[in-house]
Amino acid sequence: MKILNIGSMNIDYVYKVEHIVKEGETLNVLSIETNVGGKGLNQSIAVSRAGEKTFHAGMIGSEGNILTKYLNDNNIDITLIDNCNCEQGHAVIQVDKDGRNSILVYGGSNKMITKEYINKVLNRFDSEDILMVNNEVSELEYILEKAHEMKMRTVFNASPIDSLLLNIDMSKVTYLVINEIEGEALSKEKEPDMILQNMLYKYPDIKIVLTLGPAGSIYKDKEKTVYQESYKVEAKDTTAAGDTFMGYFTAGIAKGLKIEECMKMASMAAAITVTKHGAAETIPDIKTVQEILLSI
């Protein structure tokens, strides 16, 4: 069994600010950092640090070598990554003094993925394998359709939300990972229980993970519901928290762990991540996660 992530790879420009800038406001920046990132890259790093072999697929642009080097240095198979003659995908991230963030993403090379490329990549995998994907890449609907045809299990992070995503057939998704904002957009409901009920009414066979920030997370399918508390930490930067959760949850599924264990491991990994500034570099390894879980 292999884990394939068809995912975005970005260069992150991180601006530390007193507060997230408001409409019409000009704000002085306290400091700036340049990091590797992108939801796809972060999620692959999380899977790898959770102890599972990961194959990353996607497109890099003119400045992308730093991204493939980082993936390779973290024991991720990069042989499926291709190059395009275009600008590298990147993100502009504001992080305030309380660790909250606001992110603008420019797709660039991540939006150059084609159906032909997807076919070439998926030919290397089969029904025993797991596909991870998010909405920072092009041809998302085709990716989900092909994986469904192949009977691959899919773990889909429905982020970021856009008009295309609202028309995606989620019945082709095995595990849907969303936060409250994404859940509200997809279900037209605000309360967590109602978001889950609405999504399961529309897609009875889907398995949903709804992350709630400091309030924890909930897993729900047609047979069971699992509530997972959040672990209380001093948050410095929440940038990669959701990606860490996604990667560790997927790794838990691949290991054959019970949902309760997947949720606990993912929640702790995400909690550790927010205690440091940065993105991919803040994601903890499995040994650290397990040691802290055993100590509480």
C-alpha atoms as a PDB file:
ATOM      1  CA  MET A   1       0.000   0.000   0.000  1.00  0.00           C
ATOM      2  CA  LYS A   2       1.304   3.435  -0.989  1.00  0.00           C
ATOM      3  CA  ILE A   3       0.228   7.006  -0.191  1.00  0.00           C
ATOM      4  CA  LEU A   4       0.080   9.383  -3.152  1.00  0.00           C
ATOM      5  CA  ASN A   5      -0.332  13.113  -2.625  1.00  0.00           C
ATOM      6  CA  ILE A   6      -1.223  15.146  -5.713  1.00  0.00           C
ATOM      7  CA  GLY A   7      -0.645  18.422  -3.971  1.00  0.00           C
ATOM      8  CA  SER A   8       0.441  22.025  -4.130  1.00  0.00           C
ATOM      9  CA  MET A   9       3.971  23.222  -3.481  1.00  0.00           C
ATOM     10  CA  ASN A  10       4.439  26.894  -2.615  1.00  0.00           C
ATOM     11  CA  ILE A  11       7.042  29.341  -1.480  1.00  0.00           C
ATOM     12  CA  ASP A  12       5.571  31.084   1.570  1.00  0.00           C
ATOM     13  CA  TYR A  13       6.207  34.764   2.232  1.00  0.00           C
ATOM     14  CA  VAL A  14       5.340  35.165   5.912  1.00  0.00           C
ATOM     15  CA  TYR A  15       4.690  38.625   7.359  1.00  0.00           C
ATOM     16  CA  LYS A  16       4.565  39.010  11.141  1.00  0.00           C
ATOM     17  CA  VAL A  17       2.071  41.759  12.040  1.00  0.00           C
ATOM     18  CA  GLU A  18       0.481  43.245  15.154  1.00  0.00           C
ATOM     19  CA  HIS A  19      -2.964  42.279  13.807  1.00  0.00           C
ATOM     20  CA  ILE A  20      -4.427  40.980  10.547  1.00  0.00           C
ATOM     21  CA  VAL A  21      -4.775  43.933   8.189  1.00  0.00           C
ATOM     22  CA  LYS A  22      -8.289  45.336   7.726  1.00  0.00           C
ATOM     23  CA  GLU A  23      -9.936  46.614   4.558  1.00  0.00           C
ATOM     24  CA  GLY A  24      -8.454  50.010   3.599  1.00  0.00           C
ATOM     25  CA  GLU A  25      -5.749  49.779   6.265  1.00  0.00           C
ATOM     26  CA  THR A  26      -1.993  50.131   5.739  1.00  0.00           C
ATOM     27  CA  LEU A  27       0.058  48.264   8.319  1.00  0.00           C
ATOM     28  CA  ASN A  28       3.753  48.132   9.160  1.00  0.00           C
ATOM     29  CA  VAL A  29       5.262  44.634   9.091  1.00  0.00           C
ATOM     30  CA  LEU A  30       7.224  43.533  12.155  1.00  0.00           C
ATOM     31  CA  SER A  31       9.321  40.936  10.271  1.00  0.00           C
ATOM     32  CA  ILE A  32       9.313  38.765   7.153  1.00  0.00           C
ATOM     33  CA  GLU A  33      10.361  35.168   6.488  1.00  0.00           C
ATOM     34  CA  THR A  34      10.524  33.046   3.345  1.00  0.00           C
ATOM     35  CA  ASN A  35       9.666  29.369   3.843  1.00  0.00           C
ATOM     36  CA  VAL A  36       8.733  26.286   1.873  1.00  0.00           C
ATOM     37  CA  GLY A  37       5.027  25.466   2.050  1.00  0.00           C
ATOM     38  CA  GLY A  38       1.811  24.827   0.202  1.00  0.00           C
ATOM     39  CA  LYS A  39      -0.922  22.575   1.548  1.00  0.00           C
ATOM     40  CA  GLY A  40       0.273  19.633  -0.494  1.00  0.00           C
ATOM     41  CA  LEU A  41       3.908  19.918   0.543  1.00  0.00           C
ATOM     42  CA  ASN A  42       3.011  20.410   4.214  1.00  0.00           C
ATOM     43  CA  GLN A  43       0.692  17.404   4.164  1.00  0.00           C
ATOM     44  CA  SER A  44       3.322  15.175   2.552  1.00  0.00           C
ATOM     45  CA  ILE A  45       5.851  16.269   5.174  1.00  0.00           C
ATOM     46  CA  ALA A  46       3.325  15.421   7.914  1.00  0.00           C
ATOM     47  CA  VAL A  47       2.696  11.932   6.484  1.00  0.00           C
ATOM     48  CA  SER A  48       6.422  11.289   6.201  1.00  0.00           C
ATOM     49  CA  ARG A  49       7.139  12.493   9.744  1.00  0.00           C
ATOM     50  CA  ALA A  50       4.273  10.301  10.932  1.00  0.00           C
ATOM     51  CA  GLY A  51       6.298   7.367   9.616  1.00  0.00           C
ATOM     52  CA  GLU A  52       4.612   6.535   6.302  1.00  0.00           C
ATOM     53  CA  LYS A  53       6.202   6.470   2.839  1.00  0.00           C
ATOM     54  CA  THR A  54       4.788   9.212   0.626  1.00  0.00           C
ATOM     55  CA  PHE A  55       4.853   9.834  -3.116  1.00  0.00           C
ATOM     56  CA  HIS A  56       4.364  13.485  -4.002  1.00  0.00           C
ATOM     57  CA  ALA A  57       3.057  14.537  -7.417  1.00  0.00           C
ATOM     58  CA  GLY A  58       2.578  18.031  -8.791  1.00  0.00           C
ATOM     59  CA  MET A  59       4.144  20.820 -10.822  1.00  0.00           C
ATOM     60  CA  ILE A  60       6.973  23.154  -9.917  1.00  0.00           C
ATOM     61  CA  GLY A  61       7.852  26.396 -11.669  1.00  0.00           C
ATOM     62  CA  SER A  62      10.953  28.480 -12.207  1.00  0.00           C
ATOM     63  CA  GLU A  63      11.910  28.696  -8.508  1.00  0.00           C
ATOM     64  CA  GLY A  64      10.727  25.254  -7.453  1.00  0.00           C
ATOM     65  CA  ASN A  65      14.001  23.431  -6.855  1.00  0.00           C
ATOM     66  CA  ILE A  66      14.020  24.521  -3.202  1.00  0.00           C
ATOM     67  CA  LEU A  67      10.693  22.701  -2.772  1.00  0.00           C
ATOM     68  CA  THR A  68      11.748  19.398  -4.342  1.00  0.00           C
ATOM     69  CA  LYS A  69      14.978  19.477  -2.345  1.00  0.00           C
ATOM     70  CA  TYR A  70      13.034  19.927   0.893  1.00  0.00           C
ATOM     71  CA  LEU A  71      10.693  17.056   0.035  1.00  0.00           C
ATOM     72  CA  ASN A  72      13.579  14.796  -0.926  1.00  0.00           C
ATOM     73  CA  ASP A  73      15.467  15.680   2.272  1.00  0.00           C
ATOM     74  CA  ASN A  74      12.383  14.542   4.204  1.00  0.00           C
ATOM     75  CA  ASN A  75      12.330  11.067   2.603  1.00  0.00           C
ATOM     76  CA  ILE A  76       9.476  11.787   0.196  1.00  0.00           C
ATOM     77  CA  ASP A  77       9.532  10.261  -3.287  1.00  0.00           C
ATOM     78  CA  ILE A  78       9.692  13.155  -5.787  1.00  0.00           C
ATOM     79  CA  THR A  79      10.097  11.147  -9.014  1.00  0.00           C
ATOM     80  CA  LEU A  80       6.556  12.019 -10.128  1.00  0.00           C
ATOM     81  CA  ILE A  81       7.000  15.801  -9.813  1.00  0.00           C
ATOM     82  CA  ASP A  82       7.173  17.604 -13.172  1.00  0.00           C
ATOM     83  CA  ASN A  83       8.356  21.046 -14.288  1.00  0.00           C
ATOM     84  CA  CYS A  84       6.513  23.767 -16.171  1.00  0.00           C
ATOM     85  CA  ASN A  85       7.721  27.005 -17.725  1.00  0.00           C
ATOM     86  CA  CYS A  86       5.731  29.235 -15.404  1.00  0.00           C
ATOM     87  CA  GLU A  87       5.884  31.147 -12.130  1.00  0.00           C
ATOM     88  CA  GLN A  88       6.137  29.090  -8.980  1.00  0.00           C
ATOM     89  CA  GLY A  89       3.023  28.913  -6.796  1.00  0.00           C
ATOM     90  CA  HIS A  90       3.355  31.008  -3.666  1.00  0.00           C
ATOM     91  CA  ALA A  91       1.476  32.283  -0.637  1.00  0.00           C
ATOM     92  CA  VAL A  92       1.402  35.604   1.210  1.00  0.00           C
ATOM     93  CA  ILE A  93       0.771  34.900   4.891  1.00  0.00           C
ATOM     94  CA  GLN A  94       0.016  37.327   7.712  1.00  0.00           C
ATOM     95  CA  VAL A  95       0.614  36.036  11.245  1.00  0.00           C
ATOM     96  CA  ASP A  96      -0.526  38.180  14.162  1.00  0.00           C
ATOM     97  CA  LYS A  97       0.867  38.391  17.709  1.00  0.00           C
ATOM     98  CA  ASP A  98      -1.580  35.684  18.890  1.00  0.00           C
ATOM     99  CA  GLY A  99      -0.562  33.224  16.153  1.00  0.00           C
ATOM    100  CA  ARG A 100      -3.684  33.699  14.016  1.00  0.00           C
ATOM    101  CA  ASN A 101      -3.132  33.855  10.280  1.00  0.00           C
ATOM    102  CA  SER A 102      -4.596  35.114   7.024  1.00  0.00           C
ATOM    103  CA  ILE A 103      -3.375  33.610   3.740  1.00  0.00           C
ATOM    104  CA  LEU A 104      -3.467  34.606   0.070  1.00  0.00           C
ATOM    105  CA  VAL A 105      -2.489  31.828  -2.361  1.00  0.00           C
ATOM    106  CA  TYR A 106      -1.312  32.285  -5.954  1.00  0.00           C
ATOM    107  CA  GLY A 107      -1.679  28.966  -7.788  1.00  0.00           C
ATOM    108  CA  GLY A 108       1.018  29.448 -10.437  1.00  0.00           C
ATOM    109  CA  SER A 109       2.633  26.111 -11.267  1.00  0.00           C
ATOM    110  CA  ASN A 110       0.121  24.229  -9.103  1.00  0.00           C
ATOM    111  CA  LYS A 111      -2.615  25.165 -11.562  1.00  0.00           C
ATOM    112  CA  MET A 112      -0.726  23.685 -14.536  1.00  0.00           C
ATOM    113  CA  ILE A 113      -1.590  20.063 -13.743  1.00  0.00           C
ATOM    114  CA  THR A 114      -3.282  18.430 -16.756  1.00  0.00           C
ATOM    115  CA  LYS A 115      -5.462  15.357 -17.294  1.00  0.00           C
ATOM    116  CA  GLU A 116      -2.597  13.725 -19.203  1.00  0.00           C
ATOM    117  CA  TYR A 117      -0.266  14.260 -16.268  1.00  0.00           C
ATOM    118  CA  ILE A 118      -2.840  12.839 -13.821  1.00  0.00           C
ATOM    119  CA  ASN A 119      -3.277   9.721 -15.953  1.00  0.00           C
ATOM    120  CA  LYS A 120       0.494   9.207 -16.059  1.00  0.00           C
ATOM    121  CA  VAL A 121       0.761   9.550 -12.280  1.00  0.00           C
ATOM    122  CA  LEU A 122      -2.209   7.345 -11.370  1.00  0.00           C
ATOM    123  CA  ASN A 123      -0.954   4.559 -13.625  1.00  0.00           C
ATOM    124  CA  ARG A 124       1.676   3.946 -10.937  1.00  0.00           C
ATOM    125  CA  PHE A 125      -0.961   3.167  -8.282  1.00  0.00           C
ATOM    126  CA  ASP A 126      -3.897   0.825  -7.685  1.00  0.00           C
ATOM    127  CA  SER A 127      -6.928   0.126  -5.481  1.00  0.00           C
ATOM    128  CA  GLU A 128      -4.752  -0.766  -2.479  1.00  0.00           C
ATOM    129  CA  ASP A 129      -3.333   2.745  -2.319  1.00  0.00           C
ATOM    130  CA  ILE A 130      -4.481   6.002  -0.706  1.00  0.00           C
ATOM    131  CA  LEU A 131      -4.774   9.340  -2.512  1.00  0.00           C
ATOM    132  CA  MET A 132      -4.451  12.683  -0.729  1.00  0.00           C
ATOM    133  CA  VAL A 133      -5.531  15.873  -2.492  1.00  0.00           C
ATOM    134  CA  ASN A 134      -6.637  19.444  -1.773  1.00  0.00           C
ATOM    135  CA  ASN A 135      -8.095  22.356  -3.723  1.00  0.00           C
ATOM    136  CA  GLU A 136      -4.814  24.145  -4.462  1.00  0.00           C
ATOM    137  CA  VAL A 137      -4.247  22.143  -7.681  1.00  0.00           C
ATOM    138  CA  SER A 138      -5.949  22.160 -11.095  1.00  0.00           C
ATOM    139  CA  GLU A 139      -8.149  19.351 -12.481  1.00  0.00           C
ATOM    140  CA  LEU A 140      -9.399  18.474  -8.994  1.00  0.00           C
ATOM    141  CA  GLU A 141     -12.673  16.991 -10.233  1.00  0.00           C
ATOM    142  CA  TYR A 142     -10.851  14.764 -12.731  1.00  0.00           C
ATOM    143  CA  ILE A 143      -8.412  13.596 -10.022  1.00  0.00           C
ATOM    144  CA  LEU A 144     -11.276  12.541  -7.741  1.00  0.00           C
ATOM    145  CA  GLU A 145     -13.171  10.837 -10.582  1.00  0.00           C
ATOM    146  CA  LYS A 146     -10.160   8.807 -11.728  1.00  0.00           C
ATOM    147  CA  ALA A 147      -9.241   7.756  -8.193  1.00  0.00           C
ATOM    148  CA  HIS A 148     -12.866   6.707  -7.598  1.00  0.00           C
ATOM    149  CA  GLU A 149     -12.848   4.642 -10.785  1.00  0.00           C
ATOM    150  CA  MET A 150      -9.659   2.949  -9.568  1.00  0.00           C
ATOM    151  CA  LYS A 151     -11.315   2.264  -6.169  1.00  0.00           C
ATOM    152  CA  MET A 152      -8.540   4.127  -4.342  1.00  0.00           C
ATOM    153  CA  ARG A 153      -9.360   5.478  -0.905  1.00  0.00           C
ATOM    154  CA  THR A 154      -9.252   9.277  -1.059  1.00  0.00           C
ATOM    155  CA  VAL A 155      -8.553  11.755   1.727  1.00  0.00           C
ATOM    156  CA  PHE A 156      -9.704  15.146   0.457  1.00  0.00           C
ATOM    157  CA  ASN A 157      -8.987  18.427   2.217  1.00  0.00           C
ATOM    158  CA  ALA A 158     -11.701  20.748   0.862  1.00  0.00           C
ATOM    159  CA  SER A 159      -9.571  23.871   1.111  1.00  0.00           C
ATOM    160  CA  PRO A 160      -9.434  26.567  -0.026  1.00  0.00           C
ATOM    161  CA  ILE A 161     -13.138  27.072  -0.741  1.00  0.00           C
ATOM    162  CA  ASP A 162     -14.103  28.447  -4.152  1.00  0.00           C
ATOM    163  CA  SER A 163     -17.042  28.239  -6.577  1.00  0.00           C
ATOM    164  CA  LEU A 164     -15.615  25.137  -8.294  1.00  0.00           C
ATOM    165  CA  LEU A 165     -15.441  23.261  -5.026  1.00  0.00           C
ATOM    166  CA  LEU A 166     -19.108  23.901  -4.277  1.00  0.00           C
ATOM    167  CA  ASN A 167     -20.030  21.824  -7.349  1.00  0.00           C
ATOM    168  CA  ILE A 168     -17.730  18.858  -6.682  1.00  0.00           C
ATOM    169  CA  ASP A 169     -19.446  15.467  -6.265  1.00  0.00           C
ATOM    170  CA  MET A 170     -18.309  14.506  -2.765  1.00  0.00           C
ATOM    171  CA  SER A 171     -19.756  10.998  -3.153  1.00  0.00           C
ATOM    172  CA  LYS A 172     -16.439  10.114  -4.820  1.00  0.00           C
ATOM    173  CA  VAL A 173     -14.536  11.037  -1.635  1.00  0.00           C
ATOM    174  CA  THR A 174     -13.764   8.511   1.115  1.00  0.00           C
ATOM    175  CA  TYR A 175     -12.594  10.887   3.861  1.00  0.00           C
ATOM    176  CA  LEU A 176     -13.495  14.582   3.752  1.00  0.00           C
ATOM    177  CA  VAL A 177     -11.402  16.840   6.002  1.00  0.00           C
ATOM    178  CA  ILE A 178     -12.836  20.334   6.559  1.00  0.00           C
ATOM    179  CA  ASN A 179     -12.818  23.167   9.064  1.00  0.00           C
ATOM    180  CA  GLU A 180     -15.842  25.184  10.214  1.00  0.00           C
ATOM    181  CA  ILE A 181     -15.559  27.785   7.439  1.00  0.00           C
ATOM    182  CA  GLU A 182     -15.354  25.119   4.747  1.00  0.00           C
ATOM    183  CA  GLY A 183     -18.121  23.122   6.412  1.00  0.00           C
ATOM    184  CA  GLU A 184     -20.442  26.119   6.415  1.00  0.00           C
ATOM    185  CA  ALA A 185     -19.751  26.832   2.736  1.00  0.00           C
ATOM    186  CA  LEU A 186     -20.457  23.229   1.737  1.00  0.00           C
ATOM    187  CA  SER A 187     -23.485  22.600   3.967  1.00  0.00           C
ATOM    188  CA  LYS A 188     -24.990  26.106   4.432  1.00  0.00           C
ATOM    189  CA  GLU A 189     -25.061  25.316   8.162  1.00  0.00           C
ATOM    190  CA  LYS A 190     -23.118  27.014  10.985  1.00  0.00           C
ATOM    191  CA  GLU A 191     -23.366  24.624  13.920  1.00  0.00           C
ATOM    192  CA  PRO A 192     -20.907  21.694  13.816  1.00  0.00           C
ATOM    193  CA  ASP A 193     -23.567  19.026  14.385  1.00  0.00           C
ATOM    194  CA  MET A 194     -25.733  20.477  11.640  1.00  0.00           C
ATOM    195  CA  ILE A 195     -22.778  20.681   9.229  1.00  0.00           C
ATOM    196  CA  LEU A 196     -22.098  16.994   9.774  1.00  0.00           C
ATOM    197  CA  GLN A 197     -25.743  15.971   9.523  1.00  0.00           C
ATOM    198  CA  ASN A 198     -26.240  17.938   6.327  1.00  0.00           C
ATOM    199  CA  MET A 199     -23.156  16.503   4.630  1.00  0.00           C
ATOM    200  CA  LEU A 200     -24.054  12.935   5.586  1.00  0.00           C
ATOM    201  CA  TYR A 201     -27.617  13.458   4.372  1.00  0.00           C
ATOM    202  CA  LYS A 202     -26.256  14.480   0.965  1.00  0.00           C
ATOM    203  CA  TYR A 203     -23.450  11.885   0.908  1.00  0.00           C
ATOM    204  CA  PRO A 204     -24.440   8.932   3.140  1.00  0.00           C
ATOM    205  CA  ASP A 205     -21.245   6.932   2.594  1.00  0.00           C
ATOM    206  CA  ILE A 206     -18.767   9.726   3.218  1.00  0.00           C
ATOM    207  CA  LYS A 207     -16.550   9.857   6.311  1.00  0.00           C
ATOM    208  CA  ILE A 208     -16.097  13.405   7.616  1.00  0.00           C
ATOM    209  CA  VAL A 209     -13.496  15.006   9.847  1.00  0.00           C
ATOM    210  CA  LEU A 210     -14.522  18.481  11.017  1.00  0.00           C
ATOM    211  CA  THR A 211     -11.755  20.440  12.735  1.00  0.00           C
ATOM    212  CA  LEU A 212     -12.849  23.117  15.206  1.00  0.00           C
ATOM    213  CA  GLY A 213      -9.603  24.796  16.267  1.00  0.00           C
ATOM    214  CA  PRO A 214      -9.373  25.134  20.069  1.00  0.00           C
ATOM    215  CA  ALA A 215     -12.717  23.292  20.388  1.00  0.00           C
ATOM    216  CA  GLY A 216     -11.185  20.088  19.026  1.00  0.00           C
ATOM    217  CA  SER A 217     -12.428  17.965  16.134  1.00  0.00           C
ATOM    218  CA  ILE A 218     -15.196  15.528  15.239  1.00  0.00           C
ATOM    219  CA  TYR A 219     -15.183  12.420  13.058  1.00  0.00           C
ATOM    220  CA  LYS A 220     -18.536  11.210  11.778  1.00  0.00           C
ATOM    221  CA  ASP A 221     -19.785   8.551   9.390  1.00  0.00           C
ATOM    222  CA  LYS A 222     -23.142   6.782   9.124  1.00  0.00           C
ATOM    223  CA  GLU A 223     -22.209   4.393  11.934  1.00  0.00           C
ATOM    224  CA  LYS A 224     -20.163   6.295  14.498  1.00  0.00           C
ATOM    225  CA  THR A 225     -19.175   9.673  15.878  1.00  0.00           C
ATOM    226  CA  VAL A 226     -15.845  10.388  17.554  1.00  0.00           C
ATOM    227  CA  TYR A 227     -15.168  13.621  19.469  1.00  0.00           C
ATOM    228  CA  GLN A 228     -11.531  14.587  19.955  1.00  0.00           C
ATOM    229  CA  GLU A 229     -10.522  17.340  22.344  1.00  0.00           C
ATOM    230  CA  SER A 230      -7.778  19.787  21.412  1.00  0.00           C
ATOM    231  CA  TYR A 231      -4.577  19.781  23.440  1.00  0.00           C
ATOM    232  CA  LYS A 232      -4.033  23.079  25.229  1.00  0.00           C
ATOM    233  CA  VAL A 233      -0.841  24.834  24.143  1.00  0.00           C
ATOM    234  CA  GLU A 234       0.409  28.380  23.694  1.00  0.00           C
ATOM    235  CA  ALA A 235      -0.161  29.055  19.997  1.00  0.00           C
ATOM    236  CA  LYS A 236       2.500  31.083  18.187  1.00  0.00           C
ATOM    237  CA  ASP A 237       1.596  30.332  14.554  1.00  0.00           C
ATOM    238  CA  THR A 238      -1.341  28.249  13.267  1.00  0.00           C
ATOM    239  CA  THR A 239      -0.202  28.264   9.620  1.00  0.00           C
ATOM    240  CA  ALA A 240       0.429  24.511   9.142  1.00  0.00           C
ATOM    241  CA  ALA A 241      -1.895  23.150  11.825  1.00  0.00           C
ATOM    242  CA  GLY A 242      -4.603  21.906   9.484  1.00  0.00           C
ATOM    243  CA  ASP A 243      -2.080  20.352   7.102  1.00  0.00           C
ATOM    244  CA  THR A 244      -0.363  18.583   9.990  1.00  0.00           C
ATOM    245  CA  PHE A 245      -3.710  17.195  11.158  1.00  0.00           C
ATOM    246  CA  MET A 246      -4.532  16.025   7.614  1.00  0.00           C
ATOM    247  CA  GLY A 247      -1.177  14.299   7.139  1.00  0.00           C
ATOM    248  CA  TYR A 248      -1.152  12.554  10.508  1.00  0.00           C
ATOM    249  CA  PHE A 249      -4.776  11.460  10.113  1.00  0.00           C
ATOM    250  CA  THR A 250      -3.993   9.956   6.696  1.00  0.00           C
ATOM    251  CA  ALA A 251      -0.921   8.217   8.073  1.00  0.00           C
ATOM    252  CA  GLY A 252      -3.077   6.735  10.827  1.00  0.00           C
ATOM    253  CA  ILE A 253      -5.526   5.380   8.248  1.00  0.00           C
ATOM    254  CA  ALA A 254      -2.626   3.860   6.312  1.00  0.00           C
ATOM    255  CA  LYS A 255      -1.314   2.210   9.478  1.00  0.00           C
ATOM    256  CA  GLY A 256      -4.739   0.635  10.049  1.00  0.00           C
ATOM    257  CA  LEU A 257      -5.289   2.450  13.352  1.00  0.00           C
ATOM    258  CA  LYS A 258      -8.736   2.901  14.845  1.00  0.00           C
ATOM    259  CA  ILE A 259     -10.358   6.263  14.106  1.00  0.00           C
ATOM    260  CA  GLU A 260      -9.997   7.255  17.761  1.00  0.00           C
ATOM    261  CA  GLU A 261      -6.226   6.762  17.527  1.00  0.00           C
ATOM    262  CA  CYS A 262      -5.996   8.586  14.199  1.00  0.00           C
ATOM    263  CA  MET A 263      -7.817  11.574  15.674  1.00  0.00           C
ATOM    264  CA  LYS A 264      -5.735  11.620  18.859  1.00  0.00           C
ATOM    265  CA  MET A 265      -2.443  11.419  16.977  1.00  0.00           C
ATOM    266  CA  ALA A 266      -3.482  14.089  14.434  1.00  0.00           C
ATOM    267  CA  SER A 267      -4.719  16.434  17.159  1.00  0.00           C
ATOM    268  CA  MET A 268      -1.516  16.185  19.179  1.00  0.00           C
ATOM    269  CA  ALA A 269       0.678  16.668  16.101  1.00  0.00           C
ATOM    270  CA  ALA A 270      -1.296  19.797  15.148  1.00  0.00           C
ATOM    271  CA  ALA A 271      -1.024  21.135  18.703  1.00  0.00           C
ATOM    272  CA  ILE A 272       2.762  20.754  18.671  1.00  0.00           C
ATOM    273  CA  THR A 273       2.954  22.472  15.283  1.00  0.00           C
ATOM    274  CA  VAL A 274       1.303  25.697  16.465  1.00  0.00           C
ATOM    275  CA  THR A 275       3.827  26.167  19.277  1.00  0.00           C
ATOM    276  CA  LYS A 276       6.469  27.231  16.725  1.00  0.00           C
ATOM    277  CA  HIS A 277       6.689  29.854  13.989  1.00  0.00           C
ATOM    278  CA  GLY A 278       6.697  28.595  10.405  1.00  0.00           C
ATOM    279  CA  ALA A 279       5.032  25.948   8.265  1.00  0.00           C
ATOM    280  CA  ALA A 280       6.584  22.655   7.108  1.00  0.00           C
ATOM    281  CA  GLU A 281       9.576  23.000   9.420  1.00  0.00           C
ATOM    282  CA  THR A 282       7.297  23.064  12.501  1.00  0.00           C
ATOM    283  CA  ILE A 283       5.655  19.682  11.846  1.00  0.00           C
ATOM    284  CA  PRO A 284       6.757  17.175  14.533  1.00  0.00           C
ATOM    285  CA  ASP A 285       7.971  13.611  13.997  1.00  0.00           C
ATOM    286  CA  ILE A 286       6.062  10.580  15.227  1.00  0.00           C
ATOM    287  CA  LYS A 287       8.470   9.916  18.109  1.00  0.00           C
ATOM    288  CA  THR A 288       7.816  13.369  19.582  1.00  0.00           C
ATOM    289  CA  VAL A 289       4.047  12.974  19.200  1.00  0.00           C
ATOM    290  CA  GLN A 290       4.015   9.541  20.828  1.00  0.00           C
ATOM    291  CA  GLU A 291       6.232  10.616  23.728  1.00  0.00           C
ATOM    292  CA  ILE A 292       3.997  13.562  24.586  1.00  0.00           C
ATOM    293  CA  LEU A 293       0.820  11.460  24.291  1.00  0.00           C
ATOM    294  CA  LEU A 294       2.315   8.878  26.663  1.00  0.00           C
ATOM    295  CA  SER A 295       3.232  11.588  29.170  1.00  0.00           C
ATOM    296  CA  ILE A 296      -0.292  13.016  29.601  1.00  0.00           C
END
